Amino acid sequence: LFRSNSFRETELLDYLRSNKVEKLVVVGMMTHMCIDATVRAAVDLGFSCTVIADACATRDLEINGSVVAALDVQHAFLAALAFFYAQVQDIETYLARY
């Protein structure tokens, strides 16, 4: 069974806590599903999150016969995460810090 929250029914939380991880860098597919659900759950669990925008992707979505372009979906979800849940950066900006 597919779960979009990487913490749900996995050993991820135990692994991160046992290794004293406090900050997460999140990348992947799809921004509107796994990235969004995982980041929100991570923050609720006390983690600090950074999302690397250009290392995430999504796809066109459809609602009521209308198509929402992938780029619009991507921007909307990243903007929502950046508002409260995560620092959203591109890979160059992130790597320049380290």
PDB file of N, CA and C in Angstrom:
ATOM      1  N   LEU A   1       0.840  -1.185   0.000  1.00  0.00           N
ATOM      2  CA  LEU A   1       0.000   0.000   0.000  1.00  0.00           C
ATOM      3  C   LEU A   1       0.876   1.236   0.000  1.00  0.00           C
ATOM      4  N   PHE A   2       0.560   2.185  -0.832  1.00  0.00           N
ATOM      5  CA  PHE A   2       1.329   3.417  -1.000  1.00  0.00           C
ATOM      6  C   PHE A   2       0.974   4.423   0.085  1.00  0.00           C
ATOM      7  N   ARG A   3       1.985   5.021   0.683  1.00  0.00           N
ATOM      8  CA  ARG A   3       1.802   6.101   1.659  1.00  0.00           C
ATOM      9  C   ARG A   3       2.632   7.288   1.210  1.00  0.00           C
ATOM     10  N   SER A   4       2.057   8.474   1.223  1.00  0.00           N
ATOM     11  CA  SER A   4       2.810   9.647   0.776  1.00  0.00           C
ATOM     12  C   SER A   4       3.666  10.246   1.883  1.00  0.00           C
ATOM     13  N   ASN A   5       3.357   9.972   3.134  1.00  0.00           N
ATOM     14  CA  ASN A   5       4.121  10.459   4.272  1.00  0.00           C
ATOM     15  C   ASN A   5       5.220   9.443   4.580  1.00  0.00           C
ATOM     16  N   SER A   6       6.460   9.819   4.417  1.00  0.00           N
ATOM     17  CA  SER A   6       7.581   8.885   4.594  1.00  0.00           C
ATOM     18  C   SER A   6       7.730   8.371   6.019  1.00  0.00           C
ATOM     19  N   PHE A   7       7.053   8.999   6.967  1.00  0.00           N
ATOM     20  CA  PHE A   7       7.126   8.556   8.361  1.00  0.00           C
ATOM     21  C   PHE A   7       6.071   7.515   8.703  1.00  0.00           C
ATOM     22  N   ARG A   8       5.019   7.467   7.935  1.00  0.00           N
ATOM     23  CA  ARG A   8       3.895   6.587   8.255  1.00  0.00           C
ATOM     24  C   ARG A   8       4.229   5.129   7.954  1.00  0.00           C
ATOM     25  N   GLU A   9       4.107   4.311   8.978  1.00  0.00           N
ATOM     26  CA  GLU A   9       4.317   2.866   8.873  1.00  0.00           C
ATOM     27  C   GLU A   9       5.697   2.512   8.328  1.00  0.00           C
ATOM     28  N   THR A  10       6.702   3.322   8.711  1.00  0.00           N
ATOM     29  CA  THR A  10       8.095   3.034   8.351  1.00  0.00           C
ATOM     30  C   THR A  10       8.948   3.158   9.607  1.00  0.00           C
ATOM     31  N   GLU A  11      10.211   2.833   9.488  1.00  0.00           N
ATOM     32  CA  GLU A  11      11.149   2.962  10.599  1.00  0.00           C
ATOM     33  C   GLU A  11      11.946   4.264  10.520  1.00  0.00           C
ATOM     34  N   LEU A  12      11.557   5.168   9.640  1.00  0.00           N
ATOM     35  CA  LEU A  12      12.317   6.392   9.421  1.00  0.00           C
ATOM     36  C   LEU A  12      12.450   7.227  10.689  1.00  0.00           C
ATOM     37  N   LEU A  13      11.368   7.452  11.399  1.00  0.00           N
ATOM     38  CA  LEU A  13      11.422   8.278  12.605  1.00  0.00           C
ATOM     39  C   LEU A  13      12.370   7.676  13.639  1.00  0.00           C
ATOM     40  N   ASP A  14      12.268   6.386  13.869  1.00  0.00           N
ATOM     41  CA  ASP A  14      13.170   5.722  14.821  1.00  0.00           C
ATOM     42  C   ASP A  14      14.621   5.866  14.392  1.00  0.00           C
ATOM     43  N   TYR A  15      14.879   5.692  13.103  1.00  0.00           N
ATOM     44  CA  TYR A  15      16.246   5.811  12.589  1.00  0.00           C
ATOM     45  C   TYR A  15      16.789   7.222  12.809  1.00  0.00           C
ATOM     46  N   LEU A  16      16.007   8.223  12.445  1.00  0.00           N
ATOM     47  CA  LEU A  16      16.460   9.611  12.579  1.00  0.00           C
ATOM     48  C   LEU A  16      16.691   9.979  14.040  1.00  0.00           C
ATOM     49  N   ARG A  17      15.780   9.594  14.900  1.00  0.00           N
ATOM     50  CA  ARG A  17      15.941   9.919  16.324  1.00  0.00           C
ATOM     51  C   ARG A  17      17.107   9.167  16.948  1.00  0.00           C
ATOM     52  N   SER A  18      17.290   7.916  16.585  1.00  0.00           N
ATOM     53  CA  SER A  18      18.404   7.151  17.166  1.00  0.00           C
ATOM     54  C   SER A  18      19.754   7.682  16.703  1.00  0.00           C
ATOM     55  N   ASN A  19      19.772   8.361  15.564  1.00  0.00           N
ATOM     56  CA  ASN A  19      21.005   8.971  15.054  1.00  0.00           C
ATOM     57  C   ASN A  19      21.070  10.471  15.331  1.00  0.00           C
ATOM     58  N   LYS A  20      20.149  10.953  16.155  1.00  0.00           N
ATOM     59  CA  LYS A  20      20.123  12.353  16.601  1.00  0.00           C
ATOM     60  C   LYS A  20      20.074  13.364  15.448  1.00  0.00           C
ATOM     61  N   VAL A  21      19.368  13.002  14.398  1.00  0.00           N
ATOM     62  CA  VAL A  21      19.172  13.897  13.254  1.00  0.00           C
ATOM     63  C   VAL A  21      18.089  14.910  13.618  1.00  0.00           C
ATOM     64  N   GLU A  22      18.368  16.182  13.360  1.00  0.00           N
ATOM     65  CA  GLU A  22      17.403  17.241  13.654  1.00  0.00           C
ATOM     66  C   GLU A  22      16.985  18.022  12.416  1.00  0.00           C
ATOM     67  N   LYS A  23      17.828  17.992  11.377  1.00  0.00           N
ATOM     68  CA  LYS A  23      17.571  18.757  10.159  1.00  0.00           C
ATOM     69  C   LYS A  23      17.476  17.800   8.976  1.00  0.00           C
ATOM     70  N   LEU A  24      16.463  18.001   8.155  1.00  0.00           N
ATOM     71  CA  LEU A  24      16.259  17.159   6.979  1.00  0.00           C
ATOM     72  C   LEU A  24      16.351  17.988   5.708  1.00  0.00           C
ATOM     73  N   VAL A  25      16.935  17.404   4.680  1.00  0.00           N
ATOM     74  CA  VAL A  25      16.930  17.970   3.338  1.00  0.00           C
ATOM     75  C   VAL A  25      16.071  17.024   2.508  1.00  0.00           C
ATOM     76  N   VAL A  26      15.012  17.562   1.927  1.00  0.00           N
ATOM     77  CA  VAL A  26      14.018  16.729   1.265  1.00  0.00           C
ATOM     78  C   VAL A  26      14.021  17.009  -0.236  1.00  0.00           C
ATOM     79  N   VAL A  27      14.065  15.935  -1.015  1.00  0.00           N
ATOM     80  CA  VAL A  27      14.022  16.004  -2.477  1.00  0.00           C
ATOM     81  C   VAL A  27      13.171  14.843  -2.976  1.00  0.00           C
ATOM     82  N   GLY A  28      12.718  14.923  -4.215  1.00  0.00           N
ATOM     83  CA  GLY A  28      12.047  13.761  -4.775  1.00  0.00           C
ATOM     84  C   GLY A  28      10.852  14.081  -5.638  1.00  0.00           C
ATOM     85  N   MET A  29      10.035  13.080  -5.772  1.00  0.00           N
ATOM     86  CA  MET A  29       8.884  13.085  -6.661  1.00  0.00           C
ATOM     87  C   MET A  29       7.745  12.461  -5.889  1.00  0.00           C
ATOM     88  N   MET A  30       6.659  13.002  -5.788  1.00  0.00           N
ATOM     89  CA  MET A  30       6.095  14.177  -6.414  1.00  0.00           C
ATOM     90  C   MET A  30       5.865  15.249  -5.346  1.00  0.00           C
ATOM     91  N   THR A  31       6.141  16.476  -5.714  1.00  0.00           N
ATOM     92  CA  THR A  31       6.068  17.590  -4.776  1.00  0.00           C
ATOM     93  C   THR A  31       4.708  17.673  -4.102  1.00  0.00           C
ATOM     94  N   HIS A  32       3.639  17.495  -4.867  1.00  0.00           N
ATOM     95  CA  HIS A  32       2.291  17.656  -4.309  1.00  0.00           C
ATOM     96  C   HIS A  32       1.844  16.468  -3.468  1.00  0.00           C
ATOM     97  N   MET A  33       2.616  15.419  -3.418  1.00  0.00           N
ATOM     98  CA  MET A  33       2.255  14.238  -2.626  1.00  0.00           C
ATOM     99  C   MET A  33       3.311  13.979  -1.555  1.00  0.00           C
ATOM    100  N   CYS A  34       4.343  13.247  -1.915  1.00  0.00           N
ATOM    101  CA  CYS A  34       5.331  12.790  -0.932  1.00  0.00           C
ATOM    102  C   CYS A  34       6.115  13.927  -0.296  1.00  0.00           C
ATOM    103  N   ILE A  35       6.541  14.886  -1.074  1.00  0.00           N
ATOM    104  CA  ILE A  35       7.320  15.995  -0.516  1.00  0.00           C
ATOM    105  C   ILE A  35       6.458  16.772   0.468  1.00  0.00           C
ATOM    106  N   ASP A  36       5.273  17.161   0.052  1.00  0.00           N
ATOM    107  CA  ASP A  36       4.379  17.933   0.906  1.00  0.00           C
ATOM    108  C   ASP A  36       4.033  17.172   2.188  1.00  0.00           C
ATOM    109  N   ALA A  37       3.582  15.946   2.071  1.00  0.00           N
ATOM    110  CA  ALA A  37       3.165  15.171   3.243  1.00  0.00           C
ATOM    111  C   ALA A  37       4.330  14.904   4.189  1.00  0.00           C
ATOM    112  N   THR A  38       5.484  14.577   3.638  1.00  0.00           N
ATOM    113  CA  THR A  38       6.645  14.267   4.468  1.00  0.00           C
ATOM    114  C   THR A  38       7.156  15.495   5.202  1.00  0.00           C
ATOM    115  N   VAL A  39       7.251  16.619   4.517  1.00  0.00           N
ATOM    116  CA  VAL A  39       7.749  17.837   5.166  1.00  0.00           C
ATOM    117  C   VAL A  39       6.803  18.279   6.275  1.00  0.00           C
ATOM    118  N   ARG A  40       5.526  18.281   6.015  1.00  0.00           N
ATOM    119  CA  ARG A  40       4.569  18.697   7.048  1.00  0.00           C
ATOM    120  C   ARG A  40       4.633  17.762   8.259  1.00  0.00           C
ATOM    121  N   ALA A  41       4.720  16.475   8.018  1.00  0.00           N
ATOM    122  CA  ALA A  41       4.830  15.519   9.125  1.00  0.00           C
ATOM    123  C   ALA A  41       6.134  15.719   9.880  1.00  0.00           C
ATOM    124  N   ALA A  42       7.225  15.930   9.155  1.00  0.00           N
ATOM    125  CA  ALA A  42       8.534  16.117   9.786  1.00  0.00           C
ATOM    126  C   ALA A  42       8.526  17.318  10.723  1.00  0.00           C
ATOM    127  N   VAL A  43       7.948  18.411  10.275  1.00  0.00           N
ATOM    128  CA  VAL A  43       7.880  19.608  11.121  1.00  0.00           C
ATOM    129  C   VAL A  43       7.012  19.330  12.345  1.00  0.00           C
ATOM    130  N   ASP A  44       5.897  18.657  12.162  1.00  0.00           N
ATOM    131  CA  ASP A  44       5.045  18.298  13.300  1.00  0.00           C
ATOM    132  C   ASP A  44       5.791  17.415  14.302  1.00  0.00           C
ATOM    133  N   LEU A  45       6.747  16.638  13.816  1.00  0.00           N
ATOM    134  CA  LEU A  45       7.546  15.757  14.677  1.00  0.00           C
ATOM    135  C   LEU A  45       8.769  16.450  15.257  1.00  0.00           C
ATOM    136  N   GLY A  46       8.973  17.726  14.917  1.00  0.00           N
ATOM    137  CA  GLY A  46      10.054  18.499  15.514  1.00  0.00           C
ATOM    138  C   GLY A  46      11.302  18.674  14.675  1.00  0.00           C
ATOM    139  N   PHE A  47      11.275  18.247  13.428  1.00  0.00           N
ATOM    140  CA  PHE A  47      12.432  18.401  12.556  1.00  0.00           C
ATOM    141  C   PHE A  47      12.400  19.759  11.859  1.00  0.00           C
ATOM    142  N   SER A  48      13.567  20.231  11.480  1.00  0.00           N
ATOM    143  CA  SER A  48      13.728  21.410  10.639  1.00  0.00           C
ATOM    144  C   SER A  48      13.954  20.906   9.217  1.00  0.00           C
ATOM    145  N   CYS A  49      13.273  21.493   8.245  1.00  0.00           N
ATOM    146  CA  CYS A  49      13.345  20.978   6.871  1.00  0.00           C
ATOM    147  C   CYS A  49      13.815  22.022   5.871  1.00  0.00           C
ATOM    148  N   THR A  50      14.604  21.556   4.918  1.00  0.00           N
ATOM    149  CA  THR A  50      14.952  22.311   3.723  1.00  0.00           C
ATOM    150  C   THR A  50      14.490  21.482   2.532  1.00  0.00           C
ATOM    151  N   VAL A  51      13.790  22.115   1.618  1.00  0.00           N
ATOM    152  CA  VAL A  51      13.369  21.460   0.379  1.00  0.00           C
ATOM    153  C   VAL A  51      14.198  22.051  -0.750  1.00  0.00           C
ATOM    154  N   ILE A  52      14.817  21.186  -1.543  1.00  0.00           N
ATOM    155  CA  ILE A  52      15.595  21.626  -2.701  1.00  0.00           C
ATOM    156  C   ILE A  52      14.647  21.638  -3.902  1.00  0.00           C
ATOM    157  N   ALA A  53      14.211  22.832  -4.272  1.00  0.00           N
ATOM    158  CA  ALA A  53      13.148  22.988  -5.263  1.00  0.00           C
ATOM    159  C   ALA A  53      13.480  22.345  -6.602  1.00  0.00           C
ATOM    160  N   ASP A  54      14.708  22.536  -7.080  1.00  0.00           N
ATOM    161  CA  ASP A  54      15.044  21.994  -8.398  1.00  0.00           C
ATOM    162  C   ASP A  54      15.481  20.533  -8.345  1.00  0.00           C
ATOM    163  N   ALA A  55      15.322  19.901  -7.190  1.00  0.00           N
ATOM    164  CA  ALA A  55      15.531  18.457  -7.069  1.00  0.00           C
ATOM    165  C   ALA A  55      14.209  17.769  -6.717  1.00  0.00           C
ATOM    166  N   CYS A  56      13.111  18.482  -6.957  1.00  0.00           N
ATOM    167  CA  CYS A  56      11.763  17.952  -6.769  1.00  0.00           C
ATOM    168  C   CYS A  56      10.999  18.109  -8.078  1.00  0.00           C
ATOM    169  N   ALA A  57      10.009  17.287  -8.257  1.00  0.00           N
ATOM    170  CA  ALA A  57       9.217  17.361  -9.485  1.00  0.00           C
ATOM    171  C   ALA A  57       7.786  16.945  -9.194  1.00  0.00           C
ATOM    172  N   THR A  58       6.911  17.318 -10.088  1.00  0.00           N
ATOM    173  CA  THR A  58       5.515  16.923  -9.987  1.00  0.00           C
ATOM    174  C   THR A  58       4.967  16.730 -11.395  1.00  0.00           C
ATOM    175  N   ARG A  59       3.666  16.681 -11.533  1.00  0.00           N
ATOM    176  CA  ARG A  59       3.053  16.482 -12.846  1.00  0.00           C
ATOM    177  C   ARG A  59       1.793  17.315 -12.945  1.00  0.00           C
ATOM    178  N   ASP A  60       1.250  17.389 -14.149  1.00  0.00           N
ATOM    179  CA  ASP A  60      -0.037  18.052 -14.334  1.00  0.00           C
ATOM    180  C   ASP A  60      -1.088  17.348 -13.477  1.00  0.00           C
ATOM    181  N   LEU A  61      -2.008  18.123 -12.944  1.00  0.00           N
ATOM    182  CA  LEU A  61      -3.139  17.569 -12.205  1.00  0.00           C
ATOM    183  C   LEU A  61      -4.428  18.001 -12.878  1.00  0.00           C
ATOM    184  N   GLU A  62      -5.480  17.250 -12.654  1.00  0.00           N
ATOM    185  CA  GLU A  62      -6.771  17.587 -13.241  1.00  0.00           C
ATOM    186  C   GLU A  62      -7.803  17.709 -12.135  1.00  0.00           C
ATOM    187  N   ILE A  63      -8.652  18.718 -12.256  1.00  0.00           N
ATOM    188  CA  ILE A  63      -9.782  18.871 -11.344  1.00  0.00           C
ATOM    189  C   ILE A  63     -10.968  19.442 -12.110  1.00  0.00           C
ATOM    190  N   ASN A  64     -12.089  18.778 -11.980  1.00  0.00           N
ATOM    191  CA  ASN A  64     -13.331  19.222 -12.626  1.00  0.00           C
ATOM    192  C   ASN A  64     -13.150  19.504 -14.110  1.00  0.00           C
ATOM    193  N   GLY A  65     -12.372  18.674 -14.776  1.00  0.00           N
ATOM    194  CA  GLY A  65     -12.165  18.824 -16.208  1.00  0.00           C
ATOM    195  C   GLY A  65     -11.121  19.844 -16.607  1.00  0.00           C
ATOM    196  N   SER A  66     -10.538  20.519 -15.645  1.00  0.00           N
ATOM    197  CA  SER A  66      -9.487  21.500 -15.935  1.00  0.00           C
ATOM    198  C   SER A  66      -8.130  20.922 -15.564  1.00  0.00           C
ATOM    199  N   VAL A  67      -7.133  21.241 -16.375  1.00  0.00           N
ATOM    200  CA  VAL A  67      -5.771  20.781 -16.113  1.00  0.00           C
ATOM    201  C   VAL A  67      -4.989  21.897 -15.437  1.00  0.00           C
ATOM    202  N   VAL A  68      -4.316  21.545 -14.359  1.00  0.00           N
ATOM    203  CA  VAL A  68      -3.410  22.471 -13.682  1.00  0.00           C
ATOM    204  C   VAL A  68      -2.000  22.052 -14.083  1.00  0.00           C
ATOM    205  N   ALA A  69      -1.279  22.933 -14.735  1.00  0.00           N
ATOM    206  CA  ALA A  69       0.057  22.621 -15.255  1.00  0.00           C
ATOM    207  C   ALA A  69       1.016  22.267 -14.121  1.00  0.00           C
ATOM    208  N   ALA A  70       1.913  21.347 -14.402  1.00  0.00           N
ATOM    209  CA  ALA A  70       2.884  20.886 -13.406  1.00  0.00           C
ATOM    210  C   ALA A  70       3.665  22.039 -12.782  1.00  0.00           C
ATOM    211  N   LEU A  71       4.070  23.003 -13.588  1.00  0.00           N
ATOM    212  CA  LEU A  71       4.829  24.132 -13.048  1.00  0.00           C
ATOM    213  C   LEU A  71       3.995  24.925 -12.041  1.00  0.00           C
ATOM    214  N   ASP A  72       2.711  25.080 -12.312  1.00  0.00           N
ATOM    215  CA  ASP A  72       1.827  25.774 -11.371  1.00  0.00           C
ATOM    216  C   ASP A  72       1.637  24.961 -10.093  1.00  0.00           C
ATOM    217  N   VAL A  73       1.488  23.662 -10.239  1.00  0.00           N
ATOM    218  CA  VAL A  73       1.385  22.779  -9.068  1.00  0.00           C
ATOM    219  C   VAL A  73       2.657  22.890  -8.236  1.00  0.00           C
ATOM    220  N   GLN A  74       3.798  22.804  -8.901  1.00  0.00           N
ATOM    221  CA  GLN A  74       5.097  22.889  -8.224  1.00  0.00           C
ATOM    222  C   GLN A  74       5.227  24.198  -7.450  1.00  0.00           C
ATOM    223  N   HIS A  75       4.950  25.299  -8.111  1.00  0.00           N
ATOM    224  CA  HIS A  75       5.080  26.610  -7.461  1.00  0.00           C
ATOM    225  C   HIS A  75       4.125  26.748  -6.284  1.00  0.00           C
ATOM    226  N   ALA A  76       2.893  26.302  -6.438  1.00  0.00           N
ATOM    227  CA  ALA A  76       1.903  26.431  -5.364  1.00  0.00           C
ATOM    228  C   ALA A  76       2.313  25.629  -4.132  1.00  0.00           C
ATOM    229  N   PHE A  77       2.745  24.405  -4.330  1.00  0.00           N
ATOM    230  CA  PHE A  77       3.118  23.577  -3.180  1.00  0.00           C
ATOM    231  C   PHE A  77       4.412  24.050  -2.535  1.00  0.00           C
ATOM    232  N   LEU A  78       5.383  24.456  -3.323  1.00  0.00           N
ATOM    233  CA  LEU A  78       6.624  24.980  -2.737  1.00  0.00           C
ATOM    234  C   LEU A  78       6.364  26.283  -1.987  1.00  0.00           C
ATOM    235  N   ALA A  79       5.500  27.134  -2.526  1.00  0.00           N
ATOM    236  CA  ALA A  79       5.163  28.383  -1.837  1.00  0.00           C
ATOM    237  C   ALA A  79       4.475  28.099  -0.508  1.00  0.00           C
ATOM    238  N   ALA A  80       3.586  27.127  -0.496  1.00  0.00           N
ATOM    239  CA  ALA A  80       2.899  26.769   0.747  1.00  0.00           C
ATOM    240  C   ALA A  80       3.881  26.227   1.779  1.00  0.00           C
ATOM    241  N   LEU A  81       4.801  25.391   1.354  1.00  0.00           N
ATOM    242  CA  LEU A  81       5.802  24.858   2.288  1.00  0.00           C
ATOM    243  C   LEU A  81       6.722  25.963   2.784  1.00  0.00           C
ATOM    244  N   ALA A  82       7.108  26.868   1.902  1.00  0.00           N
ATOM    245  CA  ALA A  82       8.017  27.957   2.279  1.00  0.00           C
ATOM    246  C   ALA A  82       7.362  28.926   3.257  1.00  0.00           C
ATOM    247  N   PHE A  83       6.055  29.022   3.224  1.00  0.00           N
ATOM    248  CA  PHE A  83       5.341  29.948   4.099  1.00  0.00           C
ATOM    249  C   PHE A  83       5.553  29.612   5.570  1.00  0.00           C
ATOM    250  N   PHE A  84       5.613  28.326   5.910  1.00  0.00           N
ATOM    251  CA  PHE A  84       5.717  27.947   7.317  1.00  0.00           C
ATOM    252  C   PHE A  84       6.596  26.732   7.585  1.00  0.00           C
ATOM    253  N   TYR A  85       6.635  25.790   6.685  1.00  0.00           N
ATOM    254  CA  TYR A  85       7.185  24.478   6.989  1.00  0.00           C
ATOM    255  C   TYR A  85       8.652  24.268   6.660  1.00  0.00           C
ATOM    256  N   ALA A  86       9.187  24.962   5.692  1.00  0.00           N
ATOM    257  CA  ALA A  86      10.543  24.626   5.246  1.00  0.00           C
ATOM    258  C   ALA A  86      11.227  25.830   4.615  1.00  0.00           C
ATOM    259  N   GLN A  87      12.547  25.770   4.615  1.00  0.00           N
ATOM    260  CA  GLN A  87      13.306  26.657   3.747  1.00  0.00           C
ATOM    261  C   GLN A  87      13.267  26.002   2.374  1.00  0.00           C
ATOM    262  N   VAL A  88      12.924  26.760   1.369  1.00  0.00           N
ATOM    263  CA  VAL A  88      12.903  26.232   0.005  1.00  0.00           C
ATOM    264  C   VAL A  88      14.014  26.929  -0.753  1.00  0.00           C
ATOM    265  N   GLN A  89      14.958  26.132  -1.258  1.00  0.00           N
ATOM    266  CA  GLN A  89      16.135  26.667  -1.944  1.00  0.00           C
ATOM    267  C   GLN A  89      16.408  25.872  -3.207  1.00  0.00           C
ATOM    268  N   ASP A  90      17.191  26.478  -4.111  1.00  0.00           N
ATOM    269  CA  ASP A  90      17.676  25.690  -5.242  1.00  0.00           C
ATOM    270  C   ASP A  90      18.976  25.009  -4.810  1.00  0.00           C
ATOM    271  N   ILE A  91      19.415  24.059  -5.588  1.00  0.00           N
ATOM    272  CA  ILE A  91      20.578  23.255  -5.209  1.00  0.00           C
ATOM    273  C   ILE A  91      21.846  24.094  -5.104  1.00  0.00           C
ATOM    274  N   GLU A  92      22.013  25.060  -6.005  1.00  0.00           N
ATOM    275  CA  GLU A  92      23.214  25.911  -5.959  1.00  0.00           C
ATOM    276  C   GLU A  92      23.295  26.694  -4.658  1.00  0.00           C
ATOM    277  N   THR A  93      22.189  27.280  -4.257  1.00  0.00           N
ATOM    278  CA  THR A  93      22.151  28.052  -3.013  1.00  0.00           C
ATOM    279  C   THR A  93      22.450  27.158  -1.822  1.00  0.00           C
ATOM    280  N   TYR A  94      21.847  25.992  -1.812  1.00  0.00           N
ATOM    281  CA  TYR A  94      22.070  25.062  -0.700  1.00  0.00           C
ATOM    282  C   TYR A  94      23.534  24.628  -0.627  1.00  0.00           C
ATOM    283  N   LEU A  95      24.096  24.215  -1.743  1.00  0.00           N
ATOM    284  CA  LEU A  95      25.482  23.728  -1.756  1.00  0.00           C
ATOM    285  C   LEU A  95      26.482  24.831  -1.439  1.00  0.00           C
ATOM    286  N   ALA A  96      26.175  26.062  -1.791  1.00  0.00           N
ATOM    287  CA  ALA A  96      27.075  27.181  -1.498  1.00  0.00           C
ATOM    288  C   ALA A  96      27.240  27.381   0.008  1.00  0.00           C
ATOM    289  N   ARG A  97      26.255  26.963   0.774  1.00  0.00           N
ATOM    290  CA  ARG A  97      26.323  27.092   2.232  1.00  0.00           C
ATOM    291  C   ARG A  97      27.212  26.026   2.857  1.00  0.00           C
ATOM    292  N   TYR A  98      27.487  24.967   2.135  1.00  0.00           N
ATOM    293  CA  TYR A  98      28.244  23.853   2.708  1.00  0.00           C
ATOM    294  C   TYR A  98      29.473  23.616   1.893  1.00  0.00           C
TER     295      TYR A  98
END
